[in-house]
Amino acid sequence: TTTATMSALGTLSGFIGSETVTAAVNTATFADQNVGTGKTITVSYTLAGGTNSGVASNYSLANNTTTGNITAKALTIGTATANNKTYDGTTTATMSALGTLSGFIGSETVTAAVN
C-alpha cells in the first residue's frame, strides 16, 4: 500500500482578521510502495469551520508534499534441516530443507537460497 500516516499537520496561516478554520489530513500517499528513504509523500487536506465566524469555504489549502521512509518488513523462516555427513576435514554442510518463509504482504513472494 502507498498510504502514509502523518504525525504532524503543520500550522495554518493567512486568515482574515480573527477568523480561523481547522484542517485535517484527507489523504497522505507515498509515491510508490517500495522500500526507500526520502520518498515523496503527497498530502491533501479537508478544511472545516473554525472560530470567530471562520467559514471553510472561504479558504483553500493546496496539496502539500513531504518526505518519509519505508523500511523493509522482516520475514521469518522455519527450521532448516542439514544433512549428516562423513568427516571430510571441512565445515561445509549440505541442506535437505531450507525451512518455509512467512510474513509476506498479500500475494508477494520471494525465495531463499543457502550461500
N, C-alpha and C. Protein backbone atom coordinates (compact mmCIF):
# COMPACT_ATOMS: atom_id res chain seq x y z
N THR A 1 0.84 -1.18 0.00
CA THR A 1 0.00 0.00 0.00
C THR A 1 0.89 1.24 0.00
N THR A 2 0.34 2.32 -0.48
CA THR A 2 1.09 3.57 -0.52
C THR A 2 0.58 4.56 0.52
N THR A 3 -0.34 4.16 1.39
CA THR A 3 -0.91 5.05 2.39
C THR A 3 0.14 5.42 3.44
N ALA A 4 0.24 6.70 3.73
CA ALA A 4 1.17 7.20 4.75
C ALA A 4 0.37 7.68 5.96
N THR A 5 0.97 7.62 7.13
CA THR A 5 0.37 8.15 8.35
C THR A 5 1.13 9.40 8.73
N MET A 6 0.40 10.48 8.92
CA MET A 6 1.04 11.76 9.25
C MET A 6 1.12 11.93 10.76
N SER A 7 2.28 12.38 11.25
CA SER A 7 2.46 12.59 12.68
C SER A 7 2.29 14.05 13.08
N ALA A 8 2.33 14.96 12.13
CA ALA A 8 2.14 16.38 12.42
C ALA A 8 1.48 17.05 11.21
N LEU A 9 0.62 18.01 11.47
CA LEU A 9 -0.11 18.67 10.40
C LEU A 9 0.53 19.96 9.93
N GLY A 10 1.16 20.68 10.81
CA GLY A 10 1.69 21.99 10.45
C GLY A 10 0.78 23.08 10.98
N THR A 11 1.09 24.31 10.68
CA THR A 11 0.34 25.47 11.20
C THR A 11 -0.33 26.19 10.04
N LEU A 12 -1.61 26.52 10.20
CA LEU A 12 -2.34 27.29 9.20
C LEU A 12 -2.12 28.78 9.45
N SER A 13 -2.05 29.54 8.38
CA SER A 13 -1.94 31.00 8.49
C SER A 13 -2.61 31.62 7.29
N GLY A 14 -2.76 32.94 7.32
CA GLY A 14 -3.35 33.66 6.20
C GLY A 14 -4.82 33.98 6.39
N PHE A 15 -5.31 33.88 7.61
CA PHE A 15 -6.72 34.17 7.88
C PHE A 15 -7.01 35.66 7.82
N ILE A 16 -8.27 35.99 7.58
CA ILE A 16 -8.73 37.38 7.61
C ILE A 16 -9.16 37.70 9.03
N GLY A 17 -8.59 38.74 9.59
CA GLY A 17 -8.94 39.15 10.95
C GLY A 17 -8.68 38.04 11.95
N SER A 18 -9.68 37.79 12.80
CA SER A 18 -9.53 36.76 13.84
C SER A 18 -10.18 35.44 13.44
N GLU A 19 -10.62 35.32 12.19
CA GLU A 19 -11.22 34.06 11.74
C GLU A 19 -10.18 32.94 11.77
N THR A 20 -10.65 31.75 11.99
CA THR A 20 -9.81 30.56 11.85
C THR A 20 -10.65 29.45 11.26
N VAL A 21 -10.01 28.50 10.65
CA VAL A 21 -10.62 27.23 10.24
C VAL A 21 -9.68 26.13 10.67
N THR A 22 -10.16 24.91 10.66
CA THR A 22 -9.32 23.78 11.02
C THR A 22 -9.05 22.94 9.78
N ALA A 23 -7.95 22.25 9.81
CA ALA A 23 -7.58 21.39 8.69
C ALA A 23 -7.32 19.99 9.23
N ALA A 24 -7.68 19.01 8.42
CA ALA A 24 -7.38 17.61 8.73
C ALA A 24 -6.80 16.97 7.48
N VAL A 25 -5.94 15.99 7.67
CA VAL A 25 -5.37 15.28 6.53
C VAL A 25 -6.46 14.43 5.90
N ASN A 26 -6.69 14.63 4.63
CA ASN A 26 -7.66 13.82 3.89
C ASN A 26 -6.98 12.55 3.40
N THR A 27 -5.84 12.70 2.72
CA THR A 27 -5.03 11.57 2.29
C THR A 27 -3.56 11.92 2.39
N ALA A 28 -2.76 10.92 2.63
CA ALA A 28 -1.31 11.05 2.61
C ALA A 28 -0.80 9.80 1.89
N THR A 29 -0.14 10.01 0.75
CA THR A 29 0.19 8.88 -0.12
C THR A 29 1.65 8.93 -0.56
N PHE A 30 2.38 7.82 -0.33
CA PHE A 30 3.74 7.69 -0.84
C PHE A 30 3.69 7.59 -2.36
N ALA A 31 4.76 8.01 -3.03
CA ALA A 31 4.85 7.94 -4.49
C ALA A 31 4.79 6.49 -4.98
N ASP A 32 5.33 5.55 -4.21
CA ASP A 32 5.22 4.12 -4.54
C ASP A 32 5.34 3.33 -3.24
N GLN A 33 5.14 2.03 -3.31
CA GLN A 33 5.09 1.20 -2.10
C GLN A 33 6.42 0.54 -1.75
N ASN A 34 7.46 0.81 -2.49
CA ASN A 34 8.73 0.10 -2.30
C ASN A 34 9.61 0.73 -1.22
N VAL A 35 10.46 -0.09 -0.60
CA VAL A 35 11.37 0.35 0.45
C VAL A 35 12.30 1.44 -0.07
N GLY A 36 12.52 2.46 0.75
CA GLY A 36 13.45 3.52 0.39
C GLY A 36 13.41 4.64 1.40
N THR A 37 14.36 5.56 1.30
CA THR A 37 14.41 6.71 2.19
C THR A 37 14.17 7.99 1.40
N GLY A 38 13.66 9.00 2.08
CA GLY A 38 13.41 10.28 1.43
C GLY A 38 12.38 10.20 0.32
N LYS A 39 11.40 9.31 0.48
CA LYS A 39 10.37 9.12 -0.54
C LYS A 39 9.33 10.24 -0.46
N THR A 40 8.89 10.72 -1.60
CA THR A 40 7.89 11.79 -1.64
C THR A 40 6.53 11.28 -1.18
N ILE A 41 5.89 12.08 -0.31
CA ILE A 41 4.53 11.82 0.15
C ILE A 41 3.69 13.03 -0.25
N THR A 42 2.57 12.79 -0.93
CA THR A 42 1.64 13.86 -1.29
C THR A 42 0.52 13.87 -0.26
N VAL A 43 0.24 15.06 0.29
CA VAL A 43 -0.75 15.22 1.35
C VAL A 43 -1.87 16.12 0.84
N SER A 44 -3.13 15.68 1.02
CA SER A 44 -4.27 16.55 0.72
C SER A 44 -5.06 16.76 2.02
N TYR A 45 -5.73 17.89 2.10
CA TYR A 45 -6.39 18.31 3.33
C TYR A 45 -7.87 18.55 3.13
N THR A 46 -8.61 18.52 4.23
CA THR A 46 -10.00 18.92 4.29
C THR A 46 -10.09 20.07 5.28
N LEU A 47 -10.75 21.16 4.90
CA LEU A 47 -10.94 22.30 5.79
C LEU A 47 -12.32 22.24 6.41
N ALA A 48 -12.42 22.67 7.67
CA ALA A 48 -13.70 22.72 8.38
C ALA A 48 -13.81 24.07 9.08
N GLY A 49 -15.04 24.49 9.36
CA GLY A 49 -15.28 25.76 10.03
C GLY A 49 -14.53 25.85 11.34
N GLY A 50 -14.16 27.07 11.68
CA GLY A 50 -13.39 27.29 12.90
C GLY A 50 -14.04 28.32 13.79
N THR A 51 -13.23 29.15 14.41
CA THR A 51 -13.72 30.13 15.37
C THR A 51 -13.91 31.49 14.73
N ASN A 52 -14.64 32.34 15.44
CA ASN A 52 -14.87 33.74 15.03
C ASN A 52 -15.42 33.83 13.61
N SER A 53 -16.43 33.01 13.32
CA SER A 53 -17.14 33.00 12.03
C SER A 53 -16.28 32.55 10.87
N GLY A 54 -15.22 31.80 11.13
CA GLY A 54 -14.39 31.27 10.05
C GLY A 54 -15.17 30.22 9.27
N VAL A 55 -15.36 30.45 7.98
CA VAL A 55 -16.10 29.54 7.12
C VAL A 55 -15.10 28.86 6.18
N ALA A 56 -15.05 27.54 6.23
CA ALA A 56 -14.05 26.79 5.47
C ALA A 56 -14.12 27.08 3.98
N SER A 57 -15.32 27.29 3.45
CA SER A 57 -15.45 27.52 2.00
C SER A 57 -14.84 28.85 1.56
N ASN A 58 -14.53 29.73 2.50
CA ASN A 58 -13.88 31.00 2.16
C ASN A 58 -12.38 30.86 1.97
N TYR A 59 -11.84 29.69 2.25
CA TYR A 59 -10.40 29.47 2.19
C TYR A 59 -10.10 28.23 1.35
N SER A 60 -8.89 28.17 0.85
CA SER A 60 -8.43 26.96 0.15
C SER A 60 -7.06 26.59 0.69
N LEU A 61 -6.75 25.35 0.58
CA LEU A 61 -5.45 24.85 1.05
C LEU A 61 -4.94 23.87 0.00
N ALA A 62 -3.82 24.22 -0.62
CA ALA A 62 -3.25 23.39 -1.69
C ALA A 62 -2.67 22.10 -1.10
N ASN A 63 -2.62 21.07 -1.93
CA ASN A 63 -1.91 19.86 -1.54
C ASN A 63 -0.48 20.22 -1.20
N ASN A 64 0.13 19.38 -0.41
CA ASN A 64 1.49 19.62 0.03
C ASN A 64 2.30 18.36 -0.20
N THR A 65 3.60 18.48 -0.16
CA THR A 65 4.45 17.30 -0.21
C THR A 65 5.42 17.32 0.95
N THR A 66 5.80 16.14 1.37
CA THR A 66 6.81 15.96 2.39
C THR A 66 7.57 14.70 2.03
N THR A 67 8.44 14.25 2.86
CA THR A 67 9.16 13.01 2.59
C THR A 67 9.07 12.07 3.80
N GLY A 68 9.25 10.81 3.53
CA GLY A 68 9.24 9.80 4.58
C GLY A 68 9.98 8.56 4.11
N ASN A 69 10.15 7.63 4.99
CA ASN A 69 10.87 6.40 4.70
C ASN A 69 9.95 5.20 4.78
N ILE A 70 10.21 4.22 3.93
CA ILE A 70 9.55 2.92 4.03
C ILE A 70 10.65 1.91 4.32
N THR A 71 10.52 1.20 5.43
CA THR A 71 11.54 0.24 5.84
C THR A 71 11.11 -1.18 5.46
N ALA A 72 12.08 -2.06 5.32
CA ALA A 72 11.81 -3.45 4.93
C ALA A 72 11.07 -4.18 6.04
N LYS A 73 10.12 -5.01 5.66
CA LYS A 73 9.37 -5.85 6.59
C LYS A 73 10.17 -7.13 6.82
N ALA A 74 10.32 -7.51 8.07
CA ALA A 74 11.06 -8.73 8.40
C ALA A 74 10.22 -9.96 8.06
N LEU A 75 10.84 -10.94 7.43
CA LEU A 75 10.22 -12.24 7.20
C LEU A 75 10.75 -13.21 8.23
N THR A 76 10.05 -14.31 8.39
CA THR A 76 10.54 -15.38 9.27
C THR A 76 10.74 -16.63 8.43
N ILE A 77 11.62 -17.48 8.89
CA ILE A 77 11.88 -18.74 8.19
C ILE A 77 11.79 -19.87 9.21
N GLY A 78 11.12 -20.94 8.81
CA GLY A 78 11.00 -22.12 9.67
C GLY A 78 12.34 -22.82 9.82
N THR A 79 12.35 -23.85 10.60
CA THR A 79 13.58 -24.59 10.89
C THR A 79 14.16 -25.22 9.64
N ALA A 80 15.44 -24.96 9.42
CA ALA A 80 16.17 -25.57 8.30
C ALA A 80 16.68 -26.95 8.75
N THR A 81 16.88 -27.83 7.79
CA THR A 81 17.38 -29.18 8.07
C THR A 81 18.66 -29.42 7.29
N ALA A 82 19.73 -29.79 8.02
CA ALA A 82 21.02 -30.09 7.38
C ALA A 82 21.20 -31.60 7.30
N ASN A 83 21.89 -32.04 6.27
CA ASN A 83 22.22 -33.46 6.12
C ASN A 83 23.40 -33.83 7.02
N ASN A 84 23.40 -35.04 7.51
CA ASN A 84 24.58 -35.56 8.20
C ASN A 84 25.67 -35.80 7.16
N LYS A 85 26.93 -35.88 7.59
CA LYS A 85 27.99 -36.14 6.64
C LYS A 85 29.10 -36.95 7.31
N THR A 86 29.92 -37.55 6.49
CA THR A 86 31.12 -38.25 6.94
C THR A 86 32.25 -37.25 7.01
N TYR A 87 33.10 -37.36 8.01
CA TYR A 87 34.22 -36.44 8.18
C TYR A 87 34.99 -36.29 6.88
N ASP A 88 35.18 -35.01 6.49
CA ASP A 88 35.94 -34.75 5.27
C ASP A 88 36.93 -33.60 5.47
N GLY A 89 37.13 -33.15 6.71
CA GLY A 89 38.09 -32.10 7.00
C GLY A 89 37.58 -30.69 6.71
N THR A 90 36.29 -30.55 6.35
CA THR A 90 35.74 -29.21 6.07
C THR A 90 34.57 -28.93 7.00
N THR A 91 34.16 -27.69 7.01
CA THR A 91 32.98 -27.31 7.81
C THR A 91 31.73 -27.16 6.94
N THR A 92 31.84 -27.52 5.67
CA THR A 92 30.73 -27.38 4.74
C THR A 92 29.60 -28.33 5.10
N ALA A 93 28.38 -27.80 5.14
CA ALA A 93 27.20 -28.62 5.38
C ALA A 93 26.29 -28.53 4.16
N THR A 94 25.57 -29.58 3.88
CA THR A 94 24.56 -29.55 2.82
C THR A 94 23.19 -29.57 3.46
N MET A 95 22.27 -28.88 2.82
CA MET A 95 20.93 -28.73 3.38
C MET A 95 19.96 -29.65 2.65
N SER A 96 19.06 -30.24 3.44
CA SER A 96 17.99 -31.02 2.82
C SER A 96 16.69 -30.23 2.80
N ALA A 97 16.58 -29.22 3.65
CA ALA A 97 15.40 -28.35 3.66
C ALA A 97 15.79 -26.98 4.21
N LEU A 98 15.35 -25.92 3.56
CA LEU A 98 15.69 -24.57 3.99
C LEU A 98 14.73 -24.01 5.04
N GLY A 99 13.55 -24.58 5.17
CA GLY A 99 12.50 -24.00 6.02
C GLY A 99 11.56 -23.17 5.17
N THR A 100 10.40 -22.88 5.71
CA THR A 100 9.37 -22.16 4.98
C THR A 100 9.39 -20.69 5.35
N LEU A 101 9.41 -19.82 4.34
CA LEU A 101 9.36 -18.38 4.57
C LEU A 101 7.92 -17.96 4.83
N SER A 102 7.73 -17.03 5.77
CA SER A 102 6.39 -16.49 6.03
C SER A 102 6.49 -15.02 6.39
N GLY A 103 5.34 -14.35 6.39
CA GLY A 103 5.29 -12.93 6.73
C GLY A 103 5.13 -12.03 5.53
N PHE A 104 4.77 -12.60 4.39
CA PHE A 104 4.60 -11.80 3.17
C PHE A 104 3.36 -10.91 3.25
N ILE A 105 3.35 -9.87 2.45
CA ILE A 105 2.19 -9.00 2.31
C ILE A 105 1.44 -9.43 1.06
N GLY A 106 0.16 -9.73 1.22
CA GLY A 106 -0.67 -10.11 0.08
C GLY A 106 -0.11 -11.31 -0.65
N SER A 107 -0.02 -11.23 -1.97
CA SER A 107 0.43 -12.35 -2.79
C SER A 107 1.92 -12.27 -3.13
N GLU A 108 2.65 -11.34 -2.51
CA GLU A 108 4.08 -11.24 -2.78
C GLU A 108 4.82 -12.47 -2.27
N THR A 109 5.87 -12.86 -2.98
CA THR A 109 6.71 -13.97 -2.55
C THR A 109 8.16 -13.66 -2.90
N VAL A 110 9.07 -14.30 -2.21
CA VAL A 110 10.49 -14.30 -2.55
C VAL A 110 11.00 -15.70 -2.29
N THR A 111 12.18 -15.99 -2.75
CA THR A 111 12.77 -17.29 -2.48
C THR A 111 14.07 -17.09 -1.71
N ALA A 112 14.47 -18.11 -0.96
CA ALA A 112 15.71 -18.06 -0.20
C ALA A 112 16.62 -19.16 -0.68
N ALA A 113 17.90 -18.91 -0.63
CA ALA A 113 18.90 -19.91 -1.01
C ALA A 113 20.03 -19.89 0.01
N VAL A 114 20.70 -21.00 0.15
CA VAL A 114 21.85 -21.09 1.05
C VAL A 114 23.07 -20.59 0.30
N ASN A 115 23.82 -19.69 0.92
CA ASN A 115 25.06 -19.18 0.31
C ASN A 115 26.23 -19.89 0.91
